[in-house]
């Protein structure tokens, strides 16, 4: 709900419109992170105040999908990269490609998320963190 509220206020007060699909993707990511953080294995493995930096493996039973997008304003061309790792950090799959129809950096990142989600679906993955 907070992400919907934030998107609404961003559009209303700052003129920054966030596509509904992007809000949903972010909400699903937040839900996955919450589920992972509140699982018993995550709660017992992390000490209070422990610093977290760099790539972190997902909690037990989850795959981690990492995505990135890049965009060149002058041409409108974009590119994406996706990597999927297991709960122990082992490589599972990867994808990358060119995006010929990007309108902004935000759209490019959203498309990268979409490609990551589609790859996860193609592999039949159910428990993922993006």
N, C-alpha and C. Protein backbone atom coordinates (compact mmCIF):
# COMPACT_ATOMS: atom_id res chain seq x y z
N UNK A 1 0.82 -1.19 0.00
CA UNK A 1 0.00 0.00 0.00
C UNK A 1 0.87 1.26 0.00
N UNK A 2 1.99 1.21 0.71
CA UNK A 2 2.85 2.37 0.79
C UNK A 2 3.38 2.73 -0.59
N UNK A 3 3.72 1.74 -1.41
CA UNK A 3 4.25 2.02 -2.74
C UNK A 3 3.20 2.69 -3.63
N UNK A 4 1.95 2.30 -3.48
CA UNK A 4 0.87 2.95 -4.23
C UNK A 4 0.74 4.40 -3.78
N UNK A 5 0.76 4.61 -2.48
CA UNK A 5 0.66 5.97 -1.93
C UNK A 5 1.83 6.82 -2.41
N UNK A 6 3.05 6.26 -2.38
CA UNK A 6 4.23 7.00 -2.81
C UNK A 6 4.14 7.35 -4.30
N UNK A 7 3.69 6.40 -5.12
CA UNK A 7 3.52 6.66 -6.54
C UNK A 7 2.50 7.75 -6.81
N UNK A 8 1.40 7.71 -6.08
CA UNK A 8 0.35 8.71 -6.23
C UNK A 8 0.88 10.09 -5.86
N UNK A 9 1.56 10.20 -4.72
CA UNK A 9 2.10 11.49 -4.29
C UNK A 9 3.19 11.99 -5.23
N UNK A 10 4.00 11.08 -5.75
CA UNK A 10 5.03 11.48 -6.71
C UNK A 10 4.42 12.10 -7.96
N UNK A 11 3.33 11.50 -8.43
CA UNK A 11 2.65 12.03 -9.62
C UNK A 11 1.95 13.35 -9.29
N UNK A 12 1.30 13.40 -8.16
CA UNK A 12 0.51 14.57 -7.78
C UNK A 12 1.38 15.79 -7.47
N UNK A 13 2.44 15.61 -6.71
CA UNK A 13 3.22 16.74 -6.23
C UNK A 13 4.50 17.01 -7.03
N UNK A 14 5.05 15.98 -7.68
CA UNK A 14 6.32 16.15 -8.39
C UNK A 14 6.21 15.92 -9.89
N UNK A 15 5.03 15.51 -10.36
CA UNK A 15 4.86 15.24 -11.78
C UNK A 15 5.59 14.01 -12.26
N UNK A 16 6.02 13.15 -11.35
CA UNK A 16 6.74 11.92 -11.70
C UNK A 16 5.76 10.76 -11.70
N UNK A 17 5.41 10.30 -12.88
CA UNK A 17 4.44 9.22 -13.01
C UNK A 17 5.19 7.88 -13.04
N UNK A 18 4.77 6.98 -12.17
CA UNK A 18 5.34 5.63 -12.13
C UNK A 18 4.28 4.68 -12.68
N UNK A 19 4.67 3.90 -13.67
CA UNK A 19 3.72 2.96 -14.27
C UNK A 19 3.20 1.97 -13.23
N UNK A 20 1.92 1.62 -13.30
CA UNK A 20 1.36 0.67 -12.35
C UNK A 20 2.13 -0.65 -12.30
N UNK A 21 2.63 -1.12 -13.45
CA UNK A 21 3.40 -2.37 -13.47
C UNK A 21 4.66 -2.25 -12.61
N UNK A 22 5.29 -1.08 -12.64
CA UNK A 22 6.50 -0.86 -11.85
C UNK A 22 6.15 -0.89 -10.37
N UNK A 23 5.03 -0.29 -9.98
CA UNK A 23 4.60 -0.30 -8.58
C UNK A 23 4.36 -1.75 -8.13
N UNK A 24 3.71 -2.55 -8.97
CA UNK A 24 3.43 -3.95 -8.62
C UNK A 24 4.74 -4.73 -8.49
N UNK A 25 5.67 -4.52 -9.42
CA UNK A 25 6.95 -5.23 -9.36
C UNK A 25 7.68 -4.88 -8.06
N UNK A 26 7.68 -3.60 -7.72
CA UNK A 26 8.35 -3.18 -6.47
C UNK A 26 7.64 -3.77 -5.26
N UNK A 27 6.32 -3.80 -5.28
CA UNK A 27 5.56 -4.35 -4.15
C UNK A 27 5.86 -5.83 -3.97
N UNK A 28 5.93 -6.58 -5.07
CA UNK A 28 6.24 -8.01 -4.99
C UNK A 28 7.64 -8.20 -4.43
N UNK A 29 8.57 -7.34 -4.86
CA UNK A 29 9.93 -7.42 -4.32
C UNK A 29 9.96 -7.15 -2.83
N UNK A 30 9.21 -6.16 -2.37
CA UNK A 30 9.14 -5.85 -0.93
C UNK A 30 8.53 -7.01 -0.16
N UNK A 31 7.49 -7.62 -0.72
CA UNK A 31 6.87 -8.76 -0.05
C UNK A 31 7.85 -9.91 0.07
N UNK A 32 8.59 -10.19 -1.01
CA UNK A 32 9.58 -11.27 -0.96
C UNK A 32 10.65 -11.00 0.08
N UNK A 33 11.13 -9.76 0.13
CA UNK A 33 12.14 -9.40 1.12
C UNK A 33 11.58 -9.54 2.54
N UNK A 34 10.34 -9.11 2.73
CA UNK A 34 9.71 -9.24 4.05
C UNK A 34 9.59 -10.70 4.45
N UNK A 35 9.13 -11.54 3.54
CA UNK A 35 8.98 -12.97 3.84
C UNK A 35 10.33 -13.59 4.18
N UNK A 36 11.35 -13.20 3.44
CA UNK A 36 12.69 -13.72 3.69
C UNK A 36 13.20 -13.24 5.05
N UNK A 37 13.01 -11.96 5.33
CA UNK A 37 13.52 -11.38 6.58
C UNK A 37 12.81 -11.93 7.81
N UNK A 38 11.55 -12.33 7.66
CA UNK A 38 10.81 -12.82 8.81
C UNK A 38 10.83 -14.34 8.93
N UNK A 39 11.51 -15.00 8.00
CA UNK A 39 11.61 -16.46 8.13
C UNK A 39 12.54 -16.79 9.29
N UNK A 40 12.38 -17.94 9.87
CA UNK A 40 13.17 -18.31 11.05
C UNK A 40 14.65 -18.40 10.73
N UNK A 41 15.02 -18.86 9.52
CA UNK A 41 16.44 -18.98 9.19
C UNK A 41 17.10 -17.62 9.07
N UNK A 42 16.39 -16.62 8.53
CA UNK A 42 16.97 -15.27 8.40
C UNK A 42 17.08 -14.61 9.76
N UNK A 43 16.09 -14.82 10.61
CA UNK A 43 16.07 -14.17 11.92
C UNK A 43 17.21 -14.68 12.80
N UNK A 44 17.54 -15.94 12.69
CA UNK A 44 18.59 -16.48 13.54
C UNK A 44 19.98 -16.29 12.95
N UNK A 45 20.09 -16.05 11.65
CA UNK A 45 21.41 -15.95 11.04
C UNK A 45 21.97 -14.53 11.04
N UNK A 46 21.17 -13.53 11.33
CA UNK A 46 21.64 -12.16 11.28
C UNK A 46 21.61 -11.52 12.66
N UNK A 47 22.73 -10.97 13.08
CA UNK A 47 22.80 -10.29 14.36
C UNK A 47 22.26 -8.87 14.23
N UNK A 48 21.74 -8.33 15.30
CA UNK A 48 21.23 -6.96 15.31
C UNK A 48 22.37 -6.01 14.99
N UNK A 49 22.13 -5.09 14.05
CA UNK A 49 23.11 -4.09 13.69
C UNK A 49 24.17 -4.58 12.73
N UNK A 50 24.08 -5.81 12.26
CA UNK A 50 25.08 -6.36 11.34
C UNK A 50 25.01 -5.62 10.01
N UNK A 51 26.15 -5.17 9.54
CA UNK A 51 26.20 -4.45 8.26
C UNK A 51 26.05 -5.43 7.11
N UNK A 52 25.28 -5.01 6.11
CA UNK A 52 25.10 -5.82 4.92
C UNK A 52 25.56 -5.01 3.73
N UNK A 53 26.49 -5.52 2.99
CA UNK A 53 26.97 -4.82 1.81
C UNK A 53 27.21 -5.81 0.70
N UNK A 54 27.12 -5.35 -0.54
CA UNK A 54 27.35 -6.22 -1.68
C UNK A 54 26.22 -7.22 -1.85
N UNK A 55 26.49 -8.22 -2.66
CA UNK A 55 25.48 -9.23 -2.96
C UNK A 55 25.27 -10.11 -1.74
N UNK A 56 24.03 -10.37 -1.42
CA UNK A 56 23.68 -11.25 -0.31
C UNK A 56 22.89 -12.43 -0.84
N UNK A 57 23.23 -13.62 -0.41
CA UNK A 57 22.46 -14.78 -0.85
C UNK A 57 21.07 -14.73 -0.23
N UNK A 58 20.08 -15.28 -0.93
CA UNK A 58 18.71 -15.29 -0.38
C UNK A 58 18.60 -16.33 0.72
N UNK A 59 17.54 -16.23 1.51
CA UNK A 59 17.34 -17.20 2.57
C UNK A 59 16.90 -18.54 1.97
N UNK A 60 16.92 -19.56 2.79
CA UNK A 60 16.64 -20.92 2.36
C UNK A 60 15.36 -21.08 1.57
N UNK A 61 15.45 -21.83 0.49
CA UNK A 61 14.28 -22.12 -0.33
C UNK A 61 13.97 -21.06 -1.38
N UNK A 62 14.78 -19.99 -1.46
CA UNK A 62 14.54 -18.91 -2.41
C UNK A 62 15.64 -18.85 -3.46
N UNK A 63 15.28 -18.37 -4.64
CA UNK A 63 16.22 -18.02 -5.68
C UNK A 63 16.32 -16.50 -5.70
N UNK A 64 17.48 -15.98 -6.06
CA UNK A 64 17.64 -14.53 -6.16
C UNK A 64 17.83 -14.16 -7.62
N UNK A 65 16.95 -13.27 -8.09
CA UNK A 65 17.03 -12.78 -9.47
C UNK A 65 17.57 -11.35 -9.39
N UNK A 66 18.73 -11.13 -9.97
CA UNK A 66 19.34 -9.81 -10.01
C UNK A 66 19.22 -9.28 -11.43
N UNK A 67 18.73 -8.05 -11.57
CA UNK A 67 18.52 -7.47 -12.90
C UNK A 67 19.18 -6.10 -12.97
N UNK A 68 19.48 -5.68 -14.19
CA UNK A 68 19.98 -4.33 -14.41
C UNK A 68 19.63 -3.92 -15.83
N UNK A 69 19.43 -2.64 -16.01
CA UNK A 69 19.13 -2.10 -17.32
C UNK A 69 19.98 -0.87 -17.57
N UNK A 70 20.28 -0.63 -18.83
CA UNK A 70 21.00 0.59 -19.18
C UNK A 70 20.29 1.21 -20.39
N UNK A 71 20.40 2.53 -20.50
CA UNK A 71 19.64 3.25 -21.51
C UNK A 71 20.48 4.38 -22.07
N UNK A 72 20.43 4.55 -23.38
CA UNK A 72 21.13 5.65 -24.04
C UNK A 72 20.09 6.62 -24.56
N UNK A 73 20.04 7.79 -23.98
CA UNK A 73 19.01 8.78 -24.30
C UNK A 73 19.02 9.17 -25.78
N UNK A 74 20.20 9.37 -26.35
CA UNK A 74 20.28 9.87 -27.73
C UNK A 74 19.67 8.91 -28.75
N UNK A 75 19.72 7.63 -28.49
CA UNK A 75 19.19 6.65 -29.45
C UNK A 75 17.91 5.98 -28.98
N UNK A 76 17.62 6.05 -27.67
CA UNK A 76 16.47 5.35 -27.12
C UNK A 76 16.71 3.86 -26.99
N UNK A 77 17.93 3.43 -27.23
CA UNK A 77 18.26 2.01 -27.10
C UNK A 77 18.57 1.67 -25.65
N UNK A 78 18.24 0.46 -25.29
CA UNK A 78 18.52 -0.01 -23.95
C UNK A 78 19.08 -1.43 -23.99
N UNK A 79 19.51 -1.89 -22.86
CA UNK A 79 19.99 -3.26 -22.72
C UNK A 79 19.65 -3.73 -21.32
N UNK A 80 19.56 -5.04 -21.16
CA UNK A 80 19.25 -5.61 -19.85
C UNK A 80 20.17 -6.79 -19.57
N UNK A 81 20.30 -7.09 -18.30
CA UNK A 81 21.02 -8.26 -17.86
C UNK A 81 20.29 -8.89 -16.69
N UNK A 82 20.29 -10.21 -16.65
CA UNK A 82 19.62 -10.96 -15.59
C UNK A 82 20.54 -12.09 -15.16
N UNK A 83 20.63 -12.31 -13.85
CA UNK A 83 21.32 -13.50 -13.34
C UNK A 83 20.48 -14.07 -12.21
N UNK A 84 20.36 -15.38 -12.21
CA UNK A 84 19.61 -16.07 -11.16
C UNK A 84 20.56 -16.99 -10.42
N UNK A 85 20.53 -16.87 -9.08
CA UNK A 85 21.38 -17.71 -8.23
C UNK A 85 20.51 -18.43 -7.21
N UNK A 86 21.03 -19.55 -6.73
CA UNK A 86 20.33 -20.36 -5.73
C UNK A 86 20.56 -19.80 -4.34
N UNK A 87 19.97 -20.45 -3.35
CA UNK A 87 20.11 -20.01 -1.96
C UNK A 87 21.54 -20.09 -1.45
N UNK A 88 22.40 -20.88 -2.10
CA UNK A 88 23.80 -20.96 -1.71
C UNK A 88 24.69 -20.10 -2.60
N UNK A 89 24.08 -19.34 -3.50
CA UNK A 89 24.82 -18.44 -4.38
C UNK A 89 25.28 -19.08 -5.67
N UNK A 90 24.87 -20.33 -5.91
CA UNK A 90 25.29 -21.01 -7.13
C UNK A 90 24.51 -20.47 -8.34
N UNK A 91 25.21 -20.37 -9.46
CA UNK A 91 24.61 -19.91 -10.70
C UNK A 91 23.49 -20.84 -11.14
N UNK A 92 22.37 -20.29 -11.56
CA UNK A 92 21.25 -21.08 -12.07
C UNK A 92 20.95 -20.75 -13.53
N UNK A 93 20.92 -19.44 -13.86
CA UNK A 93 20.63 -19.04 -15.24
C UNK A 93 21.01 -17.57 -15.43
N UNK A 94 21.13 -17.18 -16.69
CA UNK A 94 21.41 -15.79 -17.03
C UNK A 94 20.75 -15.44 -18.35
N UNK A 95 20.55 -14.17 -18.56
CA UNK A 95 20.01 -13.68 -19.84
C UNK A 95 20.45 -12.23 -20.00
N UNK A 96 20.57 -11.81 -21.24
CA UNK A 96 20.86 -10.41 -21.54
C UNK A 96 20.38 -10.12 -22.95
N UNK A 97 20.21 -8.86 -23.23
CA UNK A 97 19.76 -8.52 -24.57
C UNK A 97 19.59 -7.03 -24.78
N UNK A 98 19.25 -6.72 -25.99
CA UNK A 98 19.04 -5.34 -26.42
C UNK A 98 17.56 -5.00 -26.34
N UNK A 99 17.27 -3.77 -25.97
CA UNK A 99 15.90 -3.28 -25.91
C UNK A 99 15.79 -2.10 -26.88
N UNK A 100 15.05 -2.29 -27.94
CA UNK A 100 14.97 -1.27 -28.99
C UNK A 100 13.92 -0.20 -28.74
N UNK A 101 13.11 -0.34 -27.73
CA UNK A 101 11.94 0.53 -27.57
C UNK A 101 11.84 1.12 -26.18
N UNK A 102 12.92 1.69 -25.68
CA UNK A 102 12.92 2.25 -24.33
C UNK A 102 12.71 3.77 -24.37
N UNK A 103 11.91 4.26 -23.46
CA UNK A 103 11.61 5.69 -23.43
C UNK A 103 12.31 6.44 -22.30
N UNK A 104 12.87 5.70 -21.32
CA UNK A 104 13.50 6.36 -20.17
C UNK A 104 14.32 5.33 -19.39
N UNK A 105 15.15 5.81 -18.47
CA UNK A 105 15.88 4.87 -17.61
C UNK A 105 14.94 4.01 -16.76
N UNK A 106 13.86 4.63 -16.25
CA UNK A 106 12.89 3.89 -15.42
C UNK A 106 12.22 2.79 -16.23
N UNK A 107 11.84 3.11 -17.47
CA UNK A 107 11.21 2.10 -18.33
C UNK A 107 12.19 0.97 -18.62
N UNK A 108 13.45 1.30 -18.82
CA UNK A 108 14.46 0.28 -19.09
C UNK A 108 14.63 -0.64 -17.89
N UNK A 109 14.69 -0.06 -16.69
CA UNK A 109 14.81 -0.88 -15.48
C UNK A 109 13.57 -1.77 -15.30
N UNK A 110 12.39 -1.21 -15.58
CA UNK A 110 11.16 -1.99 -15.46
C UNK A 110 11.18 -3.17 -16.44
N UNK A 111 11.66 -2.93 -17.65
CA UNK A 111 11.74 -4.01 -18.63
C UNK A 111 12.77 -5.06 -18.20
N UNK A 112 13.84 -4.63 -17.56
CA UNK A 112 14.82 -5.58 -17.03
C UNK A 112 14.18 -6.47 -15.97
N UNK A 113 13.37 -5.85 -15.08
CA UNK A 113 12.62 -6.64 -14.09
C UNK A 113 11.71 -7.64 -14.79
N UNK A 114 11.02 -7.18 -15.80
CA UNK A 114 10.11 -8.05 -16.54
C UNK A 114 10.85 -9.24 -17.14
N UNK A 115 12.01 -8.98 -17.73
CA UNK A 115 12.80 -10.07 -18.33
C UNK A 115 13.25 -11.06 -17.25
N UNK A 116 13.63 -10.54 -16.08
CA UNK A 116 14.02 -11.42 -14.98
C UNK A 116 12.87 -12.27 -14.50
N UNK A 117 11.70 -11.67 -14.37
CA UNK A 117 10.51 -12.41 -13.95
C UNK A 117 10.14 -13.47 -14.98
N UNK A 118 10.20 -13.11 -16.26
CA UNK A 118 9.87 -14.07 -17.31
C UNK A 118 10.84 -15.24 -17.33
N UNK A 119 12.14 -14.97 -17.09
CA UNK A 119 13.11 -16.06 -17.04
C UNK A 119 12.81 -16.97 -15.85
N UNK A 120 12.50 -16.38 -14.71
CA UNK A 120 12.13 -17.18 -13.55
C UNK A 120 10.91 -18.04 -13.81
N UNK A 121 9.90 -17.48 -14.49
CA UNK A 121 8.70 -18.24 -14.83
C UNK A 121 9.03 -19.38 -15.80
N UNK A 122 9.87 -19.08 -16.78
CA UNK A 122 10.26 -20.09 -17.77
C UNK A 122 10.95 -21.28 -17.10
N UNK A 123 11.71 -20.98 -16.05
CA UNK A 123 12.41 -22.04 -15.32
C UNK A 123 11.52 -22.72 -14.27
N UNK A 124 10.31 -22.19 -14.09
CA UNK A 124 9.38 -22.77 -13.13
C UNK A 124 9.69 -22.42 -11.68
N UNK A 125 10.40 -21.32 -11.45
CA UNK A 125 10.76 -20.93 -10.09
C UNK A 125 9.55 -20.32 -9.39
N UNK A 126 9.36 -20.65 -8.13
CA UNK A 126 8.21 -20.14 -7.39
C UNK A 126 8.62 -19.16 -6.29
N UNK A 127 9.65 -19.47 -5.54
CA UNK A 127 10.08 -18.62 -4.43
C UNK A 127 11.30 -17.82 -4.88
N UNK A 128 11.06 -16.55 -5.20
CA UNK A 128 12.15 -15.71 -5.71
C UNK A 128 12.19 -14.39 -4.96
N UNK A 129 13.37 -13.81 -4.94
CA UNK A 129 13.59 -12.45 -4.47
C UNK A 129 14.23 -11.73 -5.64
N UNK A 130 13.72 -10.55 -5.95
CA UNK A 130 14.27 -9.79 -7.08
C UNK A 130 15.03 -8.61 -6.54
